[in-house]
Amino acid sequence: MKLFANTSKNALDPVCRMTVNTDKTDLVFEWKGNSYYFCAEACRKTFEKNPEKYVAETSNSRKGWWGRYMERLNKATGGSPPKCCG
């Protein structure tokens, strides 16, 4: 017997990036064959107005100066970690 079995599914709200339990919400929007789950009605309505904006933002792109630095570093090294003086 598992003490902490997780039988529910979690999804990321594409607007506010909160974790949403898909078993406990009825705030769902179907778009291009995918289901998107929301924490609040306001997030769902915002997504409906411009879904492309939020779907593009759910990629793994980093933000801010650290994100830009890491993207440049990954581009320069081909995504492999730097080799130390070994």
C-alpha atoms as a PDB file:
ATOM      1  CA  MET A   1       0.000   0.000   0.000  1.00  0.00           C
ATOM      2  CA  LYS A   2       1.340   3.425  -0.982  1.00  0.00           C
ATOM      3  CA  LEU A   3       0.827   6.099   1.614  1.00  0.00           C
ATOM      4  CA  PHE A   4       1.187   9.070  -0.716  1.00  0.00           C
ATOM      5  CA  ALA A   5      -0.284   7.783  -3.971  1.00  0.00           C
ATOM      6  CA  ASN A   6      -1.157  10.669  -6.262  1.00  0.00           C
ATOM      7  CA  THR A   7      -4.212   9.730  -8.303  1.00  0.00           C
ATOM      8  CA  SER A   8      -4.919  13.240  -9.585  1.00  0.00           C
ATOM      9  CA  LYS A   9      -3.361  14.945 -12.563  1.00  0.00           C
ATOM     10  CA  ASN A  10      -1.758  18.365 -12.516  1.00  0.00           C
ATOM     11  CA  ALA A  11      -1.523  20.860 -15.345  1.00  0.00           C
ATOM     12  CA  LEU A  12       0.052  24.281 -15.665  1.00  0.00           C
ATOM     13  CA  ASP A  13      -2.266  27.252 -16.172  1.00  0.00           C
ATOM     14  CA  PRO A  14      -0.838  28.838 -19.343  1.00  0.00           C
ATOM     15  CA  VAL A  15      -1.737  32.376 -18.232  1.00  0.00           C
ATOM     16  CA  CYS A  16      -0.578  32.663 -14.609  1.00  0.00           C
ATOM     17  CA  ARG A  17       1.610  29.507 -14.560  1.00  0.00           C
ATOM     18  CA  MET A  18      -0.071  28.076 -11.426  1.00  0.00           C
ATOM     19  CA  THR A  19      -0.409  24.333 -10.982  1.00  0.00           C
ATOM     20  CA  VAL A  20      -4.016  23.220 -11.468  1.00  0.00           C
ATOM     21  CA  ASN A  21      -5.475  19.893 -10.378  1.00  0.00           C
ATOM     22  CA  THR A  22      -7.285  18.677 -13.493  1.00  0.00           C
ATOM     23  CA  ASP A  23      -9.585  16.441 -11.446  1.00  0.00           C
ATOM     24  CA  LYS A  24     -10.875  19.376  -9.394  1.00  0.00           C
ATOM     25  CA  THR A  25     -11.414  22.098 -11.999  1.00  0.00           C
ATOM     26  CA  ASP A  26     -14.047  22.584 -14.638  1.00  0.00           C
ATOM     27  CA  LEU A  27     -12.254  25.569 -16.159  1.00  0.00           C
ATOM     28  CA  VAL A  28     -11.073  23.942 -19.373  1.00  0.00           C
ATOM     29  CA  PHE A  29     -10.604  25.365 -22.848  1.00  0.00           C
ATOM     30  CA  GLU A  30     -10.103  23.176 -25.931  1.00  0.00           C
ATOM     31  CA  TRP A  31      -7.874  24.672 -28.602  1.00  0.00           C
ATOM     32  CA  LYS A  32      -6.294  22.956 -31.608  1.00  0.00           C
ATOM     33  CA  GLY A  33      -6.950  19.516 -30.161  1.00  0.00           C
ATOM     34  CA  ASN A  34      -5.400  20.270 -26.759  1.00  0.00           C
ATOM     35  CA  SER A  35      -7.058  20.842 -23.395  1.00  0.00           C
ATOM     36  CA  TYR A  36      -5.870  23.784 -21.302  1.00  0.00           C
ATOM     37  CA  TYR A  37      -6.769  24.001 -17.608  1.00  0.00           C
ATOM     38  CA  PHE A  38      -7.134  27.193 -15.584  1.00  0.00           C
ATOM     39  CA  CYS A  39      -7.123  28.217 -11.937  1.00  0.00           C
ATOM     40  CA  ALA A  40      -9.705  30.984 -12.400  1.00  0.00           C
ATOM     41  CA  GLU A  41     -12.307  32.184 -14.868  1.00  0.00           C
ATOM     42  CA  ALA A  42     -10.271  35.347 -15.520  1.00  0.00           C
ATOM     43  CA  CYS A  43      -7.309  33.268 -16.713  1.00  0.00           C
ATOM     44  CA  ARG A  44      -9.560  31.220 -19.007  1.00  0.00           C
ATOM     45  CA  LYS A  45     -11.086  34.353 -20.552  1.00  0.00           C
ATOM     46  CA  THR A  46      -7.660  35.930 -21.030  1.00  0.00           C
ATOM     47  CA  PHE A  47      -6.447  32.786 -22.793  1.00  0.00           C
ATOM     48  CA  GLU A  48      -9.509  32.693 -25.061  1.00  0.00           C
ATOM     49  CA  LYS A  49      -8.730  36.186 -26.363  1.00  0.00           C
ATOM     50  CA  ASN A  50      -5.229  35.271 -27.605  1.00  0.00           C
ATOM     51  CA  PRO A  51      -4.255  31.605 -27.146  1.00  0.00           C
ATOM     52  CA  GLU A  52      -1.191  31.820 -29.408  1.00  0.00           C
ATOM     53  CA  LYS A  53       0.450  34.268 -27.027  1.00  0.00           C
ATOM     54  CA  TYR A  54       0.212  31.921 -24.067  1.00  0.00           C
ATOM     55  CA  VAL A  55       0.995  28.698 -25.895  1.00  0.00           C
ATOM     56  CA  ALA A  56       4.194  30.276 -27.230  1.00  0.00           C
ATOM     57  CA  GLU A  57       5.133  31.391 -23.700  1.00  0.00           C
ATOM     58  CA  THR A  58       4.852  27.853 -22.323  1.00  0.00           C
ATOM     59  CA  SER A  59       8.001  26.869 -24.157  1.00  0.00           C
ATOM     60  CA  ASN A  60      11.216  26.362 -22.218  1.00  0.00           C
ATOM     61  CA  SER A  61      12.538  29.822 -23.031  1.00  0.00           C
ATOM     62  CA  ARG A  62      14.185  31.603 -20.139  1.00  0.00           C
ATOM     63  CA  LYS A  63      13.482  35.187 -19.198  1.00  0.00           C
ATOM     64  CA  GLY A  64      15.583  37.999 -17.809  1.00  0.00           C
ATOM     65  CA  TRP A  65      19.316  38.595 -17.987  1.00  0.00           C
ATOM     66  CA  TRP A  66      20.163  35.186 -16.523  1.00  0.00           C
ATOM     67  CA  GLY A  67      17.968  33.466 -19.100  1.00  0.00           C
ATOM     68  CA  ARG A  68      19.613  35.378 -21.948  1.00  0.00           C
ATOM     69  CA  TYR A  69      23.050  34.479 -20.556  1.00  0.00           C
ATOM     70  CA  MET A  70      22.132  30.789 -20.322  1.00  0.00           C
ATOM     71  CA  GLU A  71      20.727  30.782 -23.868  1.00  0.00           C
ATOM     72  CA  ARG A  72      23.959  32.317 -25.203  1.00  0.00           C
ATOM     73  CA  LEU A  73      26.034  29.841 -23.188  1.00  0.00           C
ATOM     74  CA  ASN A  74      24.040  26.878 -24.495  1.00  0.00           C
ATOM     75  CA  LYS A  75      24.352  28.176 -28.039  1.00  0.00           C
ATOM     76  CA  ALA A  76      28.128  28.630 -27.677  1.00  0.00           C
ATOM     77  CA  THR A  77      28.704  25.203 -26.111  1.00  0.00           C
ATOM     78  CA  GLY A  78      26.108  23.311 -28.107  1.00  0.00           C
ATOM     79  CA  GLY A  79      24.222  22.575 -24.900  1.00  0.00           C
ATOM     80  CA  SER A  80      27.035  20.528 -23.378  1.00  0.00           C
ATOM     81  CA  PRO A  81      28.538  21.461 -20.006  1.00  0.00           C
ATOM     82  CA  PRO A  82      31.877  23.266 -20.027  1.00  0.00           C
ATOM     83  CA  LYS A  83      35.002  21.114 -19.715  1.00  0.00           C
ATOM     84  CA  CYS A  84      37.015  21.868 -16.623  1.00  0.00           C
ATOM     85  CA  CYS A  85      40.773  21.831 -16.218  1.00  0.00           C
ATOM     86  CA  GLY A  86      40.948  18.112 -15.590  1.00  0.00           C
END
